[in-house]
Protein backbone atom coordinates (compact mmCIF):
# COMPACT_ATOMS: atom_id res chain seq x y z
CA MET A 1 23.91 -92.24 33.55
CA GLY A 2 24.86 -91.86 29.89
CA ILE A 3 24.23 -88.58 28.14
CA LYS A 4 22.28 -90.31 25.38
CA SER A 5 19.62 -91.53 27.81
CA LEU A 6 19.13 -87.98 29.12
CA LEU A 7 18.55 -86.26 25.82
CA PRO A 8 15.02 -85.89 24.41
CA GLY A 9 16.06 -85.98 20.76
CA ARG A 10 19.02 -86.08 18.41
CA LEU A 11 18.81 -82.40 17.44
CA GLY A 12 19.60 -79.77 20.05
CA PHE A 13 20.25 -76.04 19.95
CA GLY A 14 23.68 -74.51 20.53
CA THR A 15 23.53 -70.94 21.77
CA ALA A 16 27.05 -69.60 21.09
CA PRO A 17 25.71 -67.34 18.30
CA LEU A 18 23.25 -65.78 20.79
CA GLY A 19 26.27 -64.31 22.58
CA ASN A 20 26.70 -62.01 19.55
CA MET A 21 29.34 -64.22 17.95
CA PHE A 22 30.68 -62.47 14.83
CA ARG A 23 27.86 -59.87 14.86
CA ALA A 24 25.50 -57.94 17.12
CA ILE A 25 22.10 -59.65 17.12
CA PRO A 26 19.00 -57.68 18.19
CA ASP A 27 17.34 -59.02 21.34
CA ASP A 28 14.05 -59.67 19.57
CA GLU A 29 15.80 -61.72 16.86
CA ALA A 30 17.59 -63.81 19.49
CA ARG A 31 14.33 -64.36 21.37
CA ALA A 32 12.49 -65.35 18.19
CA THR A 33 15.23 -67.86 17.32
CA VAL A 34 14.94 -69.63 20.69
CA GLU A 35 11.14 -69.65 20.38
CA ALA A 36 11.48 -71.11 16.88
CA ALA A 37 13.65 -73.91 18.26
CA TRP A 38 10.98 -74.63 20.86
CA ASP A 39 8.21 -74.55 18.25
CA GLN A 40 10.18 -77.00 16.09
CA GLY A 41 10.18 -79.45 18.98
CA ILE A 42 13.77 -78.99 20.12
CA ARG A 43 14.08 -79.70 23.84
CA TYR A 44 17.82 -79.77 24.43
CA PHE A 45 19.55 -76.42 24.84
CA ASP A 46 23.27 -75.86 25.42
CA THR A 47 24.86 -72.62 26.54
CA ALA A 48 27.85 -71.18 28.44
CA PRO A 49 28.86 -68.09 30.43
CA PHE A 50 31.63 -67.49 27.87
CA TYR A 51 29.17 -66.81 25.07
CA GLY A 52 29.06 -63.03 25.06
CA ALA A 53 30.04 -62.79 28.77
CA GLY A 54 26.69 -64.09 29.98
CA LEU A 55 24.59 -62.71 27.12
CA ALA A 56 23.63 -66.08 25.60
CA GLU A 57 22.62 -67.49 28.99
CA SER A 58 20.44 -64.46 29.74
CA ARG A 59 18.77 -64.57 26.34
CA LEU A 60 18.13 -68.29 26.58
CA GLY A 61 16.83 -67.95 30.13
CA GLU A 62 14.40 -65.24 29.12
CA VAL A 63 12.57 -67.74 26.93
CA LEU A 64 13.07 -71.02 28.79
CA SER A 65 12.15 -69.63 32.20
CA ALA A 66 8.58 -69.35 30.90
CA LYS A 67 8.51 -73.04 29.87
CA PRO A 68 7.80 -76.03 32.15
CA ARG A 69 11.21 -76.97 33.60
CA ASP A 70 10.62 -80.72 33.31
CA SER A 71 9.94 -80.43 29.57
CA TYR A 72 13.49 -79.63 28.41
CA VAL A 73 17.13 -80.56 29.05
CA LEU A 74 19.61 -77.78 29.78
CA SER A 75 23.40 -77.77 29.78
CA THR A 76 25.87 -75.01 30.51
CA LYS A 77 29.59 -74.84 31.21
CA VAL A 78 32.12 -73.92 33.87
CA GLY A 79 35.56 -72.35 33.57
CA ARG A 80 34.60 -68.71 33.13
CA VAL A 81 33.30 -66.43 35.87
CA ILE A 82 31.63 -63.24 34.62
CA LEU A 83 32.39 -60.19 36.78
CA ASP A 84 30.24 -57.11 37.23
CA GLU A 85 33.12 -54.83 36.25
CA HIS A 86 33.73 -54.02 32.60
CA GLU A 87 36.74 -55.12 30.59
CA THR A 88 39.03 -52.26 29.58
CA ALA A 89 41.73 -54.27 27.80
CA THR A 90 41.35 -56.55 24.78
CA PRO A 91 40.47 -60.01 26.16
CA ASP A 92 42.91 -62.84 25.41
CA PHE A 93 40.88 -65.62 23.81
CA GLY A 94 43.83 -67.48 22.28
CA GLU A 95 42.99 -68.63 18.76
CA LYS A 96 39.45 -67.26 19.16
CA ALA A 97 40.43 -63.59 19.31
CA GLY A 98 37.52 -61.24 18.60
CA LEU A 99 34.96 -64.04 18.72
CA PHE A 100 32.57 -62.25 21.07
CA GLU A 101 33.63 -58.65 20.58
CA HIS A 102 29.95 -57.70 20.26
CA GLY A 103 28.96 -59.42 23.51
CA ASN A 104 28.56 -57.96 26.99
CA PRO A 105 31.51 -55.79 28.08
CA ASN A 106 31.96 -57.62 31.38
CA LYS A 107 35.35 -58.89 32.46
CA ILE A 108 35.79 -62.67 32.28
CA VAL A 109 37.94 -64.63 34.73
CA HIS A 110 39.19 -67.96 33.34
CA GLU A 111 39.34 -70.35 36.28
CA TRP A 112 38.55 -74.04 36.88
CA THR A 113 39.07 -74.28 40.65
CA ALA A 114 36.39 -75.71 42.96
CA GLU A 115 35.47 -72.25 44.24
CA ALA A 116 35.21 -70.75 40.75
CA THR A 117 33.16 -73.73 39.57
CA GLU A 118 30.59 -73.30 42.33
CA ARG A 119 30.36 -69.55 41.75
CA SER A 120 30.01 -70.07 38.00
CA LEU A 121 27.11 -72.47 38.51
CA GLU A 122 25.32 -70.11 40.90
CA ASP A 123 25.66 -67.23 38.43
CA SER A 124 24.47 -69.38 35.52
CA LEU A 125 21.34 -70.42 37.40
CA LYS A 126 20.49 -66.74 37.95
CA ARG A 127 21.06 -65.76 34.33
CA LEU A 128 19.09 -68.75 33.10
CA GLY A 129 16.21 -68.15 35.51
CA THR A 130 16.12 -71.77 36.63
CA ASP A 131 16.71 -73.76 39.81
CA ARG A 132 18.70 -76.60 38.27
CA LEU A 133 20.95 -77.76 35.46
CA ASP A 134 20.89 -81.17 33.82
CA ILE A 135 24.37 -81.41 32.31
CA VAL A 136 27.49 -79.34 33.03
CA TRP A 137 30.51 -79.25 30.71
CA VAL A 138 34.02 -78.20 31.76
CA HIS A 139 34.77 -75.60 29.11
CA ASP A 140 37.84 -75.06 26.93
CA ILE A 141 40.69 -76.65 28.89
CA ALA A 142 42.55 -77.16 25.62
CA GLN A 143 45.33 -75.93 23.37
CA ASP A 144 43.23 -73.52 21.32
CA PHE A 145 42.82 -71.18 24.30
CA HIS A 146 45.93 -71.91 26.37
CA GLY A 147 48.66 -73.10 24.02
CA ASP A 148 51.43 -74.92 25.89
CA LEU A 149 49.82 -74.01 29.23
CA TRP A 150 46.78 -76.18 28.60
CA LEU A 151 48.00 -79.06 30.75
CA SER A 152 48.23 -76.80 33.81
CA LYS A 153 44.65 -75.65 33.14
CA PHE A 154 43.62 -79.29 32.80
CA GLU A 155 45.21 -80.09 36.17
CA GLU A 156 43.39 -77.14 37.75
CA ALA A 157 40.13 -78.54 36.40
CA ARG A 158 40.96 -82.10 37.42
CA THR A 159 41.44 -81.13 41.05
CA GLY A 160 38.70 -78.49 41.00
CA ALA A 161 35.82 -78.60 38.54
CA PHE A 162 35.95 -82.37 37.93
CA ARG A 163 35.59 -83.15 41.61
CA VAL A 164 32.87 -80.58 42.25
CA LEU A 165 30.81 -81.85 39.33
CA SER A 166 31.32 -85.49 40.31
CA ARG A 167 30.04 -84.66 43.80
CA LEU A 168 27.05 -82.75 42.44
CA ARG A 169 26.21 -85.66 40.16
CA ASP A 170 26.50 -88.16 43.01
CA GLU A 171 24.23 -85.95 45.14
CA GLY A 172 21.67 -85.75 42.33
CA VAL A 173 22.05 -81.97 41.93
CA ILE A 174 23.04 -82.45 38.28
CA LYS A 175 22.45 -85.52 36.13
CA ALA A 176 25.73 -85.66 34.22
CA TRP A 177 28.98 -83.86 33.49
CA GLY A 178 31.84 -83.96 31.03
CA LEU A 179 34.16 -81.79 28.94
CA GLY A 180 33.13 -79.21 26.37
CA VAL A 181 36.14 -78.56 24.13
CA ASN A 182 37.34 -77.97 20.58
CA ARG A 183 40.20 -80.47 20.81
CA THR A 184 40.29 -84.22 21.41
CA GLU A 185 43.35 -84.44 23.68
CA PRO A 186 41.76 -83.17 26.94
CA ILE A 187 38.96 -85.72 26.58
CA GLU A 188 41.43 -88.53 25.87
CA LEU A 189 43.39 -87.53 28.97
CA THR A 190 40.22 -87.52 31.07
CA LEU A 191 39.12 -90.93 29.82
CA ALA A 192 42.55 -92.31 30.77
CA LEU A 193 42.12 -91.26 34.43
CA ASP A 194 41.03 -93.72 37.09
CA GLU A 195 38.79 -91.03 38.57
CA PRO A 196 36.69 -88.98 38.29
CA ARG A 197 34.54 -90.45 35.55
CA PRO A 198 32.74 -88.19 33.06
CA ASP A 199 29.39 -89.18 31.55
CA GLY A 200 30.03 -87.71 28.13
CA PHE A 201 31.65 -84.87 26.25
CA LEU A 202 30.74 -82.04 23.92
CA LEU A 203 33.21 -82.00 21.04
CA ALA A 204 32.95 -78.93 18.83
CA GLY A 205 34.23 -78.88 15.27
CA ARG A 206 36.14 -82.15 15.54
CA TYR A 207 33.51 -84.54 14.19
CA THR A 208 32.36 -82.91 10.99
CA LEU A 209 32.53 -83.71 7.30
CA LEU A 210 35.63 -81.50 7.14
CA ASP A 211 37.45 -82.71 10.24
CA HIS A 212 37.00 -86.16 11.78
CA ASP A 213 40.14 -88.23 11.20
CA HIS A 214 41.77 -87.31 14.49
CA ALA A 215 38.71 -88.08 16.61
CA LEU A 216 38.28 -91.44 14.89
CA GLY A 217 41.87 -92.45 15.56
CA ARG A 218 41.90 -92.59 19.37
CA LEU A 219 39.18 -90.65 21.14
CA LEU A 220 36.04 -92.29 19.81
CA PRO A 221 37.26 -95.89 20.28
CA MET A 222 38.09 -94.97 23.92
CA ALA A 223 34.69 -93.38 24.39
CA GLN A 224 32.84 -96.38 22.97
CA GLU A 225 34.83 -98.78 25.11
CA GLN A 226 33.88 -96.82 28.24
CA GLY A 227 30.29 -96.12 27.23
CA VAL A 228 30.83 -92.35 27.18
CA ASP A 229 28.60 -90.42 24.78
CA MET A 230 29.45 -87.52 22.47
CA VAL A 231 27.41 -84.41 21.78
CA VAL A 232 28.58 -82.95 18.46
CA GLY A 233 29.02 -79.19 18.49
CA GLY A 234 29.82 -77.09 15.44
CA PRO A 235 28.61 -79.64 12.85
CA TYR A 236 28.84 -76.98 10.13
CA SER A 237 32.50 -76.23 10.97
CA SER A 238 31.74 -72.64 12.07
CA GLY A 239 29.38 -72.11 9.13
CA ILE A 240 31.34 -73.07 6.01
CA LEU A 241 29.16 -76.20 5.62
CA ALA A 242 25.99 -74.13 5.85
CA GLY A 243 26.71 -71.50 3.22
CA GLY A 244 28.88 -69.31 5.47
CA THR A 245 32.49 -68.19 5.12
CA HIS A 246 33.94 -69.13 8.53
CA PHE A 247 35.96 -72.24 9.40
CA GLU A 248 37.39 -72.71 12.90
CA TYR A 249 35.89 -69.31 13.84
CA GLN A 250 38.03 -67.53 11.21
CA GLN A 251 37.68 -66.81 7.50
CA ALA A 252 38.04 -70.16 5.71
CA PRO A 253 41.42 -70.76 4.01
CA PRO A 254 41.60 -71.67 0.29
CA GLU A 255 42.11 -75.41 0.87
CA ILE A 256 38.94 -75.63 2.97
CA ILE A 257 36.96 -73.63 0.41
CA GLU A 258 38.20 -76.06 -2.27
CA ARG A 259 37.16 -79.10 -0.21
CA VAL A 260 33.72 -77.64 0.47
CA GLY A 261 33.40 -77.03 -3.27
CA LYS A 262 33.97 -80.74 -3.91
CA LEU A 263 31.42 -81.68 -1.23
CA LYS A 264 28.92 -79.24 -2.69
CA ALA A 265 29.39 -80.64 -6.19
CA LEU A 266 28.63 -84.11 -4.86
CA THR A 267 25.55 -83.03 -2.90
CA ASP A 268 24.28 -81.15 -5.94
CA GLN A 269 24.84 -84.22 -8.11
CA HIS A 270 22.67 -86.31 -5.77
CA GLY A 271 20.11 -83.59 -5.12
CA VAL A 272 20.73 -83.37 -1.38
CA SER A 273 21.54 -80.38 0.80
CA ILE A 274 25.03 -80.04 2.22
CA LYS A 275 23.50 -79.21 5.64
CA ALA A 276 21.69 -82.55 5.62
CA ALA A 277 24.88 -84.39 4.72
CA ALA A 278 26.78 -82.58 7.49
CA LEU A 279 24.21 -83.24 10.22
CA GLN A 280 23.55 -86.84 9.30
CA PHE A 281 27.25 -87.63 9.01
CA SER A 282 27.96 -86.27 12.50
CA LEU A 283 25.15 -88.36 13.99
CA ALA A 284 26.12 -91.60 12.25
CA HIS A 285 28.85 -92.49 14.73
CA PRO A 286 27.56 -94.84 17.45
CA ALA A 287 28.98 -92.58 20.18
CA ALA A 288 27.03 -89.55 18.94
CA ALA A 289 24.09 -88.71 21.22
CA ALA A 290 23.01 -85.44 19.61
CA VAL A 291 24.12 -82.64 17.36
CA ILE A 292 23.71 -79.00 18.39
CA PRO A 293 24.04 -76.51 15.55
CA GLY A 294 23.76 -72.86 16.49
CA ALA A 295 21.55 -70.25 14.87
CA THR A 296 20.62 -66.59 15.11
CA ARG A 297 17.64 -66.55 12.78
CA PRO A 298 14.37 -68.48 13.20
CA SER A 299 14.50 -69.72 9.60
CA ARG A 300 17.74 -71.57 10.30
CA ILE A 301 16.03 -73.77 12.88
CA ALA A 302 13.51 -75.00 10.31
CA GLU A 303 16.40 -75.71 7.93
CA ASP A 304 18.17 -77.80 10.59
CA THR A 305 15.03 -79.78 11.36
CA ALA A 306 14.45 -80.42 7.65
CA ALA A 307 18.12 -81.38 7.15
CA LEU A 308 17.91 -84.03 9.85
CA ALA A 309 14.78 -85.54 8.26
CA GLU A 310 15.97 -85.30 4.64
CA HIS A 311 16.37 -88.57 2.76
CA ILE A 312 19.90 -89.04 1.49
CA PRO A 313 20.36 -91.92 -1.00
CA ALA A 314 22.95 -94.56 -0.18
CA ALA A 315 24.68 -93.76 -3.48
CA PHE A 316 25.68 -90.37 -2.10
CA TRP A 317 27.59 -91.92 0.79
CA THR A 318 29.17 -94.46 -1.55
CA ASP A 319 30.39 -91.68 -3.84
CA LEU A 320 31.56 -89.62 -0.86
CA ARG A 321 33.73 -92.50 0.28
CA ALA A 322 34.98 -93.21 -3.25
CA ALA A 323 35.95 -89.57 -3.73
CA GLY A 324 38.13 -89.68 -0.61
CA LEU A 325 36.08 -86.94 1.01
CA VAL A 326 35.47 -88.96 4.15
CA SER A 327 37.67 -91.22 6.24
CA PRO A 328 37.50 -94.96 5.40
CA ALA A 329 36.95 -95.52 9.14
CA ALA A 330 34.01 -93.14 9.47
CA PRO A 331 30.59 -94.79 10.00
CA LEU A 332 28.10 -93.54 7.43
CA PRO A 333 24.31 -93.32 7.84
CA ASP A 334 22.57 -96.64 7.08
CA HIS A 335 25.54 -97.62 5.00
CA ALA A 336 28.56 -99.89 5.21
């Protein structure tokens, strides 16, 4: 079953920020943000044990466990097991160092074996206060966390998590599975395998207004050919396309700030919001099933909903292409 047919709408809610990404968020603010997403009609929620060492899952579960289970779609991830013991050393998160320094202090084990996958799922169900998951993503088996060792992590997942999730899908325990990564290569490698077959993938930060060339070159044609859908994570490129200062989970470098300045000048010229341009661009590709921006304030949810509905004139997309601010190969909304 394709991911697109499972999802109740094109706008979902990504919960990485609820794991205290970049800052400590009060519990009541996190709760109000999830409730705001629900009140705005969002019914697809994505989370992961990695987000604040279980904190995002617990916060999401606190709200969703009070909602009718059949009324929303839920995805989480495998690859990290959260232990009861506390971390005493500085965790090694590769390029994402310090990302969740305000999260829970629990130790995180990075493992994609069959045994770890099953334990991770059991723990997630408890934190989320639910009896089932709809979609499960295999999390972060890519270069940004593992450098040159990423292929060995991929192989661990191929013989472990991939097979467990394929079995659970075949048994009807989950509806779909795929990869949730910040790089295209692990997905390309998976799509090249004879088995097992993923249903889709969550690609974060690699199909945005600022970064899409690489995905367009190889991954997305493969995905379309195989009928595998994409959920777009990080459509605001860690916040820089939504008025923030982060790109790729770090302070944005000068060249990115300059490029965003050019985008902003063009959106201002046409009287459209840059958030609307970012969201609608990410959804314009035929493989895109949904986009899942994150938020930590209720007001941001309303902005996302408005951005998706905002009318953007065709002239904006024409000028965007003419200015060289988007790939010639990128599909644009309602536009050649």
